[in-house]
Amino acid sequence: AKNLGEFWNRWHMSLSTWLRDYLYRPLGGNRVSK
């Protein structure tokens, strides 16, 4: 991976996608203020 974001897209992907779909996005994800 060339950055940490890419690392987490490559490492333990079932956990990373779970955190994205069931925690990060319900919190607002990238759709909220910076």
PDB file of all heavy atoms in Angstrom:
ATOM      1  N   ALA A   1       0.836  -1.208   0.000  1.00  0.00           N
ATOM      2  CA  ALA A   1       0.000   0.000   0.000  1.00  0.00           C
ATOM      3  C   ALA A   1       0.865   1.251   0.000  1.00  0.00           C
ATOM      4  O   ALA A   1       1.922   1.298   0.631  1.00  0.00           O
ATOM      5  CB  ALA A   1      -0.921  -0.003   1.222  1.00  0.00           C
ATOM      6  N   LYS A   2       0.393   2.280  -0.693  1.00  0.00           N
ATOM      7  CA  LYS A   2       1.164   3.527  -0.829  1.00  0.00           C
ATOM      8  C   LYS A   2       0.695   4.610   0.125  1.00  0.00           C
ATOM      9  O   LYS A   2       1.253   5.697   0.163  1.00  0.00           O
ATOM     10  CB  LYS A   2       1.096   3.997  -2.283  1.00  0.00           C
ATOM     11  CG  LYS A   2       1.851   3.060  -3.231  1.00  0.00           C
ATOM     12  CD  LYS A   2       1.495   3.260  -4.666  1.00  0.00           C
ATOM     13  CE  LYS A   2       0.177   2.614  -5.044  1.00  0.00           C
ATOM     14  NZ  LYS A   2       0.174   1.144  -4.988  1.00  0.00           N
ATOM     15  N   ASN A   3      -0.352   4.331   0.898  1.00  0.00           N
ATOM     16  CA  ASN A   3      -0.786   5.214   1.977  1.00  0.00           C
ATOM     17  C   ASN A   3      -1.633   4.380   2.926  1.00  0.00           C
ATOM     18  O   ASN A   3      -2.020   3.240   2.603  1.00  0.00           O
ATOM     19  CB  ASN A   3      -1.561   6.430   1.446  1.00  0.00           C
ATOM     20  CG  ASN A   3      -2.750   6.025   0.599  1.00  0.00           C
ATOM     21  OD1 ASN A   3      -3.698   5.414   1.078  1.00  0.00           O
ATOM     22  ND2 ASN A   3      -2.708   6.359  -0.691  1.00  0.00           N
ATOM     23  N   LEU A   4      -1.941   4.937   4.094  1.00  0.00           N
ATOM     24  CA  LEU A   4      -2.671   4.153   5.099  1.00  0.00           C
ATOM     25  C   LEU A   4      -4.098   3.844   4.679  1.00  0.00           C
ATOM     26  O   LEU A   4      -4.646   2.801   5.040  1.00  0.00           O
ATOM     27  CB  LEU A   4      -2.665   4.889   6.438  1.00  0.00           C
ATOM     28  CG  LEU A   4      -1.432   4.670   7.323  1.00  0.00           C
ATOM     29  CD1 LEU A   4      -1.578   5.442   8.623  1.00  0.00           C
ATOM     30  CD2 LEU A   4      -1.215   3.188   7.615  1.00  0.00           C
ATOM     31  N   GLY A   5      -4.712   4.769   3.927  1.00  0.00           N
ATOM     32  CA  GLY A   5      -6.051   4.477   3.440  1.00  0.00           C
ATOM     33  C   GLY A   5      -6.065   3.245   2.564  1.00  0.00           C
ATOM     34  O   GLY A   5      -6.939   2.371   2.693  1.00  0.00           O
ATOM     35  N   GLU A   6      -5.081   3.155   1.669  1.00  0.00           N
ATOM     36  CA  GLU A   6      -4.983   1.974   0.813  1.00  0.00           C
ATOM     37  C   GLU A   6      -4.628   0.741   1.632  1.00  0.00           C
ATOM     38  O   GLU A   6      -5.109  -0.364   1.348  1.00  0.00           O
ATOM     39  CB  GLU A   6      -3.918   2.215  -0.266  1.00  0.00           C
ATOM     40  CG  GLU A   6      -3.799   1.075  -1.263  1.00  0.00           C
ATOM     41  CD  GLU A   6      -2.700   1.298  -2.281  1.00  0.00           C
ATOM     42  OE1 GLU A   6      -2.225   2.454  -2.421  1.00  0.00           O
ATOM     43  OE2 GLU A   6      -2.293   0.307  -2.929  1.00  0.00           O
ATOM     44  N   PHE A   7      -3.793   0.918   2.665  1.00  0.00           N
ATOM     45  CA  PHE A   7      -3.450  -0.221   3.523  1.00  0.00           C
ATOM     46  C   PHE A   7      -4.704  -0.836   4.120  1.00  0.00           C
ATOM     47  O   PHE A   7      -4.871  -2.068   4.113  1.00  0.00           O
ATOM     48  CB  PHE A   7      -2.505   0.236   4.636  1.00  0.00           C
ATOM     49  CG  PHE A   7      -2.283  -0.798   5.704  1.00  0.00           C
ATOM     50  CD1 PHE A   7      -1.401  -1.840   5.501  1.00  0.00           C
ATOM     51  CD2 PHE A   7      -2.972  -0.741   6.915  1.00  0.00           C
ATOM     52  CE1 PHE A   7      -1.201  -2.813   6.477  1.00  0.00           C
ATOM     53  CE2 PHE A   7      -2.773  -1.697   7.897  1.00  0.00           C
ATOM     54  CZ  PHE A   7      -1.891  -2.738   7.678  1.00  0.00           C
ATOM     55  N   TRP A   8      -5.609  -0.005   4.637  1.00  0.00           N
ATOM     56  CA  TRP A   8      -6.815  -0.544   5.271  1.00  0.00           C
ATOM     57  C   TRP A   8      -7.813  -1.079   4.256  1.00  0.00           C
ATOM     58  O   TRP A   8      -8.729  -1.818   4.623  1.00  0.00           O
ATOM     59  CB  TRP A   8      -7.448   0.507   6.175  1.00  0.00           C
ATOM     60  CG  TRP A   8      -6.695   0.596   7.466  1.00  0.00           C
ATOM     61  CD1 TRP A   8      -5.850   1.569   7.879  1.00  0.00           C
ATOM     62  CD2 TRP A   8      -6.717  -0.371   8.519  1.00  0.00           C
ATOM     63  NE1 TRP A   8      -5.321   1.280   9.110  1.00  0.00           N
ATOM     64  CE2 TRP A   8      -5.841   0.103   9.534  1.00  0.00           C
ATOM     65  CE3 TRP A   8      -7.367  -1.581   8.708  1.00  0.00           C
ATOM     66  CZ2 TRP A   8      -5.619  -0.612  10.707  1.00  0.00           C
ATOM     67  CZ3 TRP A   8      -7.144  -2.290   9.886  1.00  0.00           C
ATOM     68  CH2 TRP A   8      -6.279  -1.802  10.865  1.00  0.00           C
ATOM     69  N   ASN A   9      -7.642  -0.734   2.983  1.00  0.00           N
ATOM     70  CA  ASN A   9      -8.444  -1.361   1.937  1.00  0.00           C
ATOM     71  C   ASN A   9      -7.877  -2.703   1.511  1.00  0.00           C
ATOM     72  O   ASN A   9      -8.531  -3.447   0.776  1.00  0.00           O
ATOM     73  CB  ASN A   9      -8.525  -0.438   0.713  1.00  0.00           C
ATOM     74  CG  ASN A   9      -9.426   0.749   0.940  1.00  0.00           C
ATOM     75  OD1 ASN A   9     -10.392   0.668   1.698  1.00  0.00           O
ATOM     76  ND2 ASN A   9      -9.111   1.868   0.313  1.00  0.00           N
ATOM     77  N   ARG A  10      -6.663  -3.014   1.976  1.00  0.00           N
ATOM     78  CA  ARG A  10      -6.009  -4.266   1.609  1.00  0.00           C
ATOM     79  C   ARG A  10      -5.868  -5.227   2.796  1.00  0.00           C
ATOM     80  O   ARG A  10      -5.666  -6.419   2.594  1.00  0.00           O
ATOM     81  CB  ARG A  10      -4.590  -3.976   1.071  1.00  0.00           C
ATOM     82  CG  ARG A  10      -4.532  -3.287  -0.289  1.00  0.00           C
ATOM     83  CD  ARG A  10      -3.119  -2.792  -0.558  1.00  0.00           C
ATOM     84  NE  ARG A  10      -2.908  -2.319  -1.912  1.00  0.00           N
ATOM     85  CZ  ARG A  10      -2.321  -2.999  -2.879  1.00  0.00           C
ATOM     86  NH1 ARG A  10      -1.881  -4.221  -2.637  1.00  0.00           N
ATOM     87  NH2 ARG A  10      -2.152  -2.489  -4.074  1.00  0.00           N
ATOM     88  N   TRP A  11      -5.929  -4.724   4.031  1.00  0.00           N
ATOM     89  CA  TRP A  11      -5.682  -5.525   5.230  1.00  0.00           C
ATOM     90  C   TRP A  11      -7.005  -5.918   5.889  1.00  0.00           C
ATOM     91  O   TRP A  11      -7.857  -5.063   6.131  1.00  0.00           O
ATOM     92  CB  TRP A  11      -4.822  -4.737   6.221  1.00  0.00           C
ATOM     93  CG  TRP A  11      -4.660  -5.420   7.551  1.00  0.00           C
ATOM     94  CD1 TRP A  11      -5.474  -5.292   8.644  1.00  0.00           C
ATOM     95  CD2 TRP A  11      -3.646  -6.355   7.927  1.00  0.00           C
ATOM     96  NE1 TRP A  11      -5.024  -6.096   9.668  1.00  0.00           N
ATOM     97  CE2 TRP A  11      -3.901  -6.759   9.249  1.00  0.00           C
ATOM     98  CE3 TRP A  11      -2.537  -6.893   7.259  1.00  0.00           C
ATOM     99  CZ2 TRP A  11      -3.096  -7.670   9.927  1.00  0.00           C
ATOM    100  CZ3 TRP A  11      -1.730  -7.807   7.931  1.00  0.00           C
ATOM    101  CH2 TRP A  11      -2.012  -8.178   9.244  1.00  0.00           C
ATOM    102  N   HIS A  12      -7.153  -7.204   6.216  1.00  0.00           N
ATOM    103  CA  HIS A  12      -8.350  -7.694   6.927  1.00  0.00           C
ATOM    104  C   HIS A  12      -9.591  -7.034   6.336  1.00  0.00           C
ATOM    105  O   HIS A  12     -10.345  -6.351   7.034  1.00  0.00           O
ATOM    106  CB  HIS A  12      -8.213  -7.385   8.414  1.00  0.00           C
ATOM    107  CG  HIS A  12      -9.120  -8.190   9.295  1.00  0.00           C
ATOM    108  ND1 HIS A  12     -10.127  -8.995   8.810  1.00  0.00           N
ATOM    109  CD2 HIS A  12      -9.191  -8.298  10.652  1.00  0.00           C
ATOM    110  CE1 HIS A  12     -10.754  -9.560   9.818  1.00  0.00           C
ATOM    111  NE2 HIS A  12     -10.205  -9.166  10.943  1.00  0.00           N
ATOM    112  N   MET A  13      -9.801  -7.251   5.053  1.00  0.00           N
ATOM    113  CA  MET A  13     -10.798  -6.493   4.302  1.00  0.00           C
ATOM    114  C   MET A  13     -12.225  -6.723   4.796  1.00  0.00           C
ATOM    115  O   MET A  13     -13.072  -5.834   4.689  1.00  0.00           O
ATOM    116  CB  MET A  13     -10.672  -6.815   2.817  1.00  0.00           C
ATOM    117  CG  MET A  13      -9.357  -6.322   2.211  1.00  0.00           C
ATOM    118  SD  MET A  13      -9.260  -6.517   0.416  1.00  0.00           S
ATOM    119  CE  MET A  13      -9.105  -8.292   0.261  1.00  0.00           C
ATOM    120  N   SER A  14     -12.506  -7.905   5.352  1.00  0.00           N
ATOM    121  CA  SER A  14     -13.863  -8.124   5.857  1.00  0.00           C
ATOM    122  C   SER A  14     -14.148  -7.239   7.062  1.00  0.00           C
ATOM    123  O   SER A  14     -15.276  -6.770   7.250  1.00  0.00           O
ATOM    124  CB  SER A  14     -14.068  -9.603   6.212  1.00  0.00           C
ATOM    125  OG  SER A  14     -13.243  -9.999   7.287  1.00  0.00           O
ATOM    126  N   LEU A  15     -13.124  -6.975   7.895  1.00  0.00           N
ATOM    127  CA  LEU A  15     -13.305  -6.056   9.015  1.00  0.00           C
ATOM    128  C   LEU A  15     -13.346  -4.607   8.522  1.00  0.00           C
ATOM    129  O   LEU A  15     -14.188  -3.823   8.969  1.00  0.00           O
ATOM    130  CB  LEU A  15     -12.176  -6.221  10.033  1.00  0.00           C
ATOM    131  CG  LEU A  15     -12.166  -5.206  11.186  1.00  0.00           C
ATOM    132  CD1 LEU A  15     -13.434  -5.321  12.034  1.00  0.00           C
ATOM    133  CD2 LEU A  15     -10.915  -5.368  12.054  1.00  0.00           C
ATOM    134  N   SER A  16     -12.448  -4.252   7.609  1.00  0.00           N
ATOM    135  CA  SER A  16     -12.406  -2.876   7.108  1.00  0.00           C
ATOM    136  C   SER A  16     -13.715  -2.483   6.440  1.00  0.00           C
ATOM    137  O   SER A  16     -14.246  -1.388   6.663  1.00  0.00           O
ATOM    138  CB  SER A  16     -11.244  -2.714   6.121  1.00  0.00           C
ATOM    139  OG  SER A  16     -10.005  -2.916   6.752  1.00  0.00           O
ATOM    140  N   THR A  17     -14.265  -3.371   5.601  1.00  0.00           N
ATOM    141  CA  THR A  17     -15.531  -3.047   4.940  1.00  0.00           C
ATOM    142  C   THR A  17     -16.687  -3.038   5.931  1.00  0.00           C
ATOM    143  O   THR A  17     -17.636  -2.272   5.771  1.00  0.00           O
ATOM    144  CB  THR A  17     -15.812  -4.042   3.798  1.00  0.00           C
ATOM    145  OG1 THR A  17     -15.790  -5.386   4.316  1.00  0.00           O
ATOM    146  CG2 THR A  17     -14.776  -3.913   2.698  1.00  0.00           C
ATOM    147  N   TRP A  18     -16.604  -3.897   6.970  1.00  0.00           N
ATOM    148  CA  TRP A  18     -17.647  -3.867   8.009  1.00  0.00           C
ATOM    149  C   TRP A  18     -17.642  -2.516   8.707  1.00  0.00           C
ATOM    150  O   TRP A  18     -18.701  -1.903   8.882  1.00  0.00           O
ATOM    151  CB  TRP A  18     -17.418  -4.982   9.031  1.00  0.00           C
ATOM    152  CG  TRP A  18     -18.579  -5.210   9.955  1.00  0.00           C
ATOM    153  CD1 TRP A  18     -19.535  -6.173   9.842  1.00  0.00           C
ATOM    154  CD2 TRP A  18     -18.923  -4.444  11.124  1.00  0.00           C
ATOM    155  NE1 TRP A  18     -20.448  -6.064  10.863  1.00  0.00           N
ATOM    156  CE2 TRP A  18     -20.109  -5.012  11.667  1.00  0.00           C
ATOM    157  CE3 TRP A  18     -18.367  -3.352  11.751  1.00  0.00           C
ATOM    158  CZ2 TRP A  18     -20.727  -4.510  12.805  1.00  0.00           C
ATOM    159  CZ3 TRP A  18     -18.986  -2.835  12.888  1.00  0.00           C
ATOM    160  CH2 TRP A  18     -20.135  -3.400  13.408  1.00  0.00           C
ATOM    161  N   LEU A  19     -16.470  -2.055   9.133  1.00  0.00           N
ATOM    162  CA  LEU A  19     -16.365  -0.757   9.809  1.00  0.00           C
ATOM    163  C   LEU A  19     -16.859   0.371   8.897  1.00  0.00           C
ATOM    164  O   LEU A  19     -17.494   1.321   9.357  1.00  0.00           O
ATOM    165  CB  LEU A  19     -14.928  -0.506  10.244  1.00  0.00           C
ATOM    166  CG  LEU A  19     -14.398  -1.417  11.363  1.00  0.00           C
ATOM    167  CD1 LEU A  19     -12.897  -1.210  11.539  1.00  0.00           C
ATOM    168  CD2 LEU A  19     -15.137  -1.159  12.678  1.00  0.00           C
ATOM    169  N   ARG A  20     -16.561   0.257   7.615  1.00  0.00           N
ATOM    170  CA  ARG A  20     -17.009   1.277   6.658  1.00  0.00           C
ATOM    171  C   ARG A  20     -18.534   1.279   6.517  1.00  0.00           C
ATOM    172  O   ARG A  20     -19.174   2.330   6.596  1.00  0.00           O
ATOM    173  CB  ARG A  20     -16.372   1.005   5.288  1.00  0.00           C
ATOM    174  CG  ARG A  20     -16.780   1.986   4.193  1.00  0.00           C
ATOM    175  CD  ARG A  20     -16.437   1.410   2.828  1.00  0.00           C
ATOM    176  NE  ARG A  20     -17.245   0.229   2.527  1.00  0.00           N
ATOM    177  CZ  ARG A  20     -16.947  -0.667   1.574  1.00  0.00           C
ATOM    178  NH1 ARG A  20     -15.832  -0.533   0.872  1.00  0.00           N
ATOM    179  NH2 ARG A  20     -17.744  -1.703   1.365  1.00  0.00           N
ATOM    180  N   ASP A  21     -19.125   0.077   6.333  1.00  0.00           N
ATOM    181  CA  ASP A  21     -20.547  -0.007   6.012  1.00  0.00           C
ATOM    182  C   ASP A  21     -21.459   0.124   7.225  1.00  0.00           C
ATOM    183  O   ASP A  21     -22.588   0.613   7.095  1.00  0.00           O
ATOM    184  CB  ASP A  21     -20.847  -1.338   5.311  1.00  0.00           C
ATOM    185  CG  ASP A  21     -20.181  -1.431   3.957  1.00  0.00           C
ATOM    186  OD1 ASP A  21     -19.776  -0.378   3.416  1.00  0.00           O
ATOM    187  OD2 ASP A  21     -20.039  -2.560   3.440  1.00  0.00           O
ATOM    188  N   TYR A  22     -20.997  -0.293   8.405  1.00  0.00           N
ATOM    189  CA  TYR A  22     -21.882  -0.329   9.572  1.00  0.00           C
ATOM    190  C   TYR A  22     -21.493   0.661  10.660  1.00  0.00           C
ATOM    191  O   TYR A  22     -22.198   0.755  11.664  1.00  0.00           O
ATOM    192  CB  TYR A  22     -21.922  -1.753  10.144  1.00  0.00           C
ATOM    193  CG  TYR A  22     -22.399  -2.764   9.143  1.00  0.00           C
ATOM    194  CD1 TYR A  22     -21.494  -3.594   8.470  1.00  0.00           C
ATOM    195  CD2 TYR A  22     -23.748  -2.883   8.828  1.00  0.00           C
ATOM    196  CE1 TYR A  22     -21.918  -4.502   7.530  1.00  0.00           C
ATOM    197  CE2 TYR A  22     -24.194  -3.807   7.882  1.00  0.00           C
ATOM    198  CZ  TYR A  22     -23.270  -4.608   7.235  1.00  0.00           C
ATOM    199  OH  TYR A  22     -23.704  -5.501   6.294  1.00  0.00           O
ATOM    200  N   LEU A  23     -20.415   1.411  10.454  1.00  0.00           N
ATOM    201  CA  LEU A  23     -20.028   2.410  11.439  1.00  0.00           C
ATOM    202  C   LEU A  23     -19.685   3.747  10.784  1.00  0.00           C
ATOM    203  O   LEU A  23     -20.282   4.768  11.111  1.00  0.00           O
ATOM    204  CB  LEU A  23     -18.840   1.905  12.274  1.00  0.00           C
ATOM    205  CG  LEU A  23     -18.382   2.802  13.431  1.00  0.00           C
ATOM    206  CD1 LEU A  23     -19.545   3.101  14.381  1.00  0.00           C
ATOM    207  CD2 LEU A  23     -17.222   2.152  14.183  1.00  0.00           C
ATOM    208  N   TYR A  24     -18.724   3.737   9.852  1.00  0.00           N
ATOM    209  CA  TYR A  24     -18.261   5.000   9.258  1.00  0.00           C
ATOM    210  C   TYR A  24     -19.384   5.690   8.475  1.00  0.00           C
ATOM    211  O   TYR A  24     -19.645   6.888   8.684  1.00  0.00           O
ATOM    212  CB  TYR A  24     -17.064   4.727   8.349  1.00  0.00           C
ATOM    213  CG  TYR A  24     -16.464   5.968   7.742  1.00  0.00           C
ATOM    214  CD1 TYR A  24     -15.779   6.895   8.529  1.00  0.00           C
ATOM    215  CD2 TYR A  24     -16.571   6.231   6.376  1.00  0.00           C
ATOM    216  CE1 TYR A  24     -15.220   8.035   7.977  1.00  0.00           C
ATOM    217  CE2 TYR A  24     -16.018   7.365   5.806  1.00  0.00           C
ATOM    218  CZ  TYR A  24     -15.342   8.259   6.612  1.00  0.00           C
ATOM    219  OH  TYR A  24     -14.797   9.389   6.061  1.00  0.00           O
ATOM    220  N   ARG A  25     -20.048   4.997   7.591  1.00  0.00           N
ATOM    221  CA  ARG A  25     -21.105   5.616   6.793  1.00  0.00           C
ATOM    222  C   ARG A  25     -22.311   6.016   7.634  1.00  0.00           C
ATOM    223  O   ARG A  25     -22.863   7.104   7.422  1.00  0.00           O
ATOM    224  CB  ARG A  25     -21.497   4.693   5.646  1.00  0.00           C
ATOM    225  CG  ARG A  25     -20.434   4.633   4.553  1.00  0.00           C
ATOM    226  CD  ARG A  25     -20.779   3.670   3.445  1.00  0.00           C
ATOM    227  NE  ARG A  25     -19.770   3.717   2.383  1.00  0.00           N
ATOM    228  CZ  ARG A  25     -19.720   2.855   1.362  1.00  0.00           C
ATOM    229  NH1 ARG A  25     -20.626   1.879   1.275  1.00  0.00           N
ATOM    230  NH2 ARG A  25     -18.779   2.967   0.444  1.00  0.00           N
ATOM    231  N   PRO A  26     -22.769   5.184   8.595  1.00  0.00           N
ATOM    232  CA  PRO A  26     -23.862   5.661   9.461  1.00  0.00           C
ATOM    233  C   PRO A  26     -23.495   6.899  10.273  1.00  0.00           C
ATOM    234  O   PRO A  26     -24.380   7.698  10.614  1.00  0.00           O
ATOM    235  CB  PRO A  26     -24.128   4.459  10.379  1.00  0.00           C
ATOM    236  CG  PRO A  26     -23.730   3.279   9.561  1.00  0.00           C
ATOM    237  CD  PRO A  26     -22.531   3.739   8.780  1.00  0.00           C
ATOM    238  N   LEU A  27     -22.213   7.096  10.579  1.00  0.00           N
ATOM    239  CA  LEU A  27     -21.789   8.312  11.276  1.00  0.00           C
ATOM    240  C   LEU A  27     -21.788   9.538  10.360  1.00  0.00           C
ATOM    241  O   LEU A  27     -21.653  10.668  10.832  1.00  0.00           O
ATOM    242  CB  LEU A  27     -20.382   8.125  11.853  1.00  0.00           C
ATOM    243  CG  LEU A  27     -20.249   7.232  13.084  1.00  0.00           C
ATOM    244  CD1 LEU A  27     -18.778   6.998  13.419  1.00  0.00           C
ATOM    245  CD2 LEU A  27     -20.982   7.829  14.278  1.00  0.00           C
ATOM    246  N   GLY A  28     -21.938   9.308   9.078  1.00  0.00           N
ATOM    247  CA  GLY A  28     -21.933  10.409   8.115  1.00  0.00           C
ATOM    248  C   GLY A  28     -20.893  10.258   7.039  1.00  0.00           C
ATOM    249  O   GLY A  28     -20.967  10.903   5.997  1.00  0.00           O
ATOM    250  N   GLY A  29     -19.881   9.404   7.301  1.00  0.00           N
ATOM    251  CA  GLY A  29     -18.867   9.138   6.298  1.00  0.00           C
ATOM    252  C   GLY A  29     -18.199  10.394   5.793  1.00  0.00           C
ATOM    253  O   GLY A  29     -17.761  11.257   6.557  1.00  0.00           O
ATOM    254  N   ASN A  30     -18.149  10.517   4.470  1.00  0.00           N
ATOM    255  CA  ASN A  30     -17.551  11.687   3.825  1.00  0.00           C
ATOM    256  C   ASN A  30     -18.581  12.749   3.471  1.00  0.00           C
ATOM    257  O   ASN A  30     -18.226  13.766   2.860  1.00  0.00           O
ATOM    258  CB  ASN A  30     -16.817  11.257   2.543  1.00  0.00           C
ATOM    259  CG  ASN A  30     -15.701  10.275   2.821  1.00  0.00           C
ATOM    260  OD1 ASN A  30     -15.043  10.348   3.854  1.00  0.00           O
ATOM    261  ND2 ASN A  30     -15.472   9.339   1.902  1.00  0.00           N
ATOM    262  N   ARG A  31     -19.837  12.531   3.856  1.00  0.00           N
ATOM    263  CA  ARG A  31     -20.916  13.432   3.426  1.00  0.00           C
ATOM    264  C   ARG A  31     -21.131  14.600   4.386  1.00  0.00           C
ATOM    265  O   ARG A  31     -22.066  15.376   4.193  1.00  0.00           O
ATOM    266  CB  ARG A  31     -22.226  12.646   3.311  1.00  0.00           C
ATOM    267  CG  ARG A  31     -22.129  11.435   2.388  1.00  0.00           C
ATOM    268  CD  ARG A  31     -23.470  10.727   2.255  1.00  0.00           C
ATOM    269  NE  ARG A  31     -24.043  10.381   3.546  1.00  0.00           N
ATOM    270  CZ  ARG A  31     -23.756   9.291   4.215  1.00  0.00           C
ATOM    271  NH1 ARG A  31     -22.858   8.430   3.735  1.00  0.00           N
ATOM    272  NH2 ARG A  31     -24.324   9.022   5.369  1.00  0.00           N
ATOM    273  N   VAL A  32     -20.289  14.710   5.391  1.00  0.00           N
ATOM    274  CA  VAL A  32     -20.458  15.749   6.406  1.00  0.00           C
ATOM    275  C   VAL A  32     -19.301  16.746   6.310  1.00  0.00           C
ATOM    276  O   VAL A  32     -18.465  16.671   5.409  1.00  0.00           O
ATOM    277  CB  VAL A  32     -20.525  15.115   7.812  1.00  0.00           C
ATOM    278  CG1 VAL A  32     -21.814  14.316   7.974  1.00  0.00           C
ATOM    279  CG2 VAL A  32     -19.318  14.203   8.052  1.00  0.00           C
ATOM    280  N   SER A  33     -19.258  17.685   7.235  1.00  0.00           N
ATOM    281  CA  SER A  33     -18.205  18.699   7.226  1.00  0.00           C
ATOM    282  C   SER A  33     -16.835  18.057   7.432  1.00  0.00           C
ATOM    283  O   SER A  33     -16.723  16.935   7.950  1.00  0.00           O
ATOM    284  CB  SER A  33     -18.461  19.725   8.320  1.00  0.00           C
ATOM    285  OG  SER A  33     -18.351  19.118   9.603  1.00  0.00           O
ATOM    286  N   LYS A  34     -15.794  18.781   7.058  1.00  0.00           N
ATOM    287  CA  LYS A  34     -14.449  18.234   7.169  1.00  0.00           C
ATOM    288  C   LYS A  34     -14.065  17.896   8.613  1.00  0.00           C
ATOM    289  O   LYS A  34     -13.479  16.830   8.858  1.00  0.00           O
ATOM    290  CB  LYS A  34     -13.449  19.198   6.537  1.00  0.00           C
ATOM    291  CG  LYS A  34     -13.589  19.269   5.017  1.00  0.00           C
ATOM    292  CD  LYS A  34     -12.601  20.248   4.404  1.00  0.00           C
ATOM    293  CE  LYS A  34     -12.771  20.276   2.881  1.00  0.00           C
ATOM    294  NZ  LYS A  34     -11.850  21.233   2.237  1.00  0.00           N
TER     295      LYS A  34
END
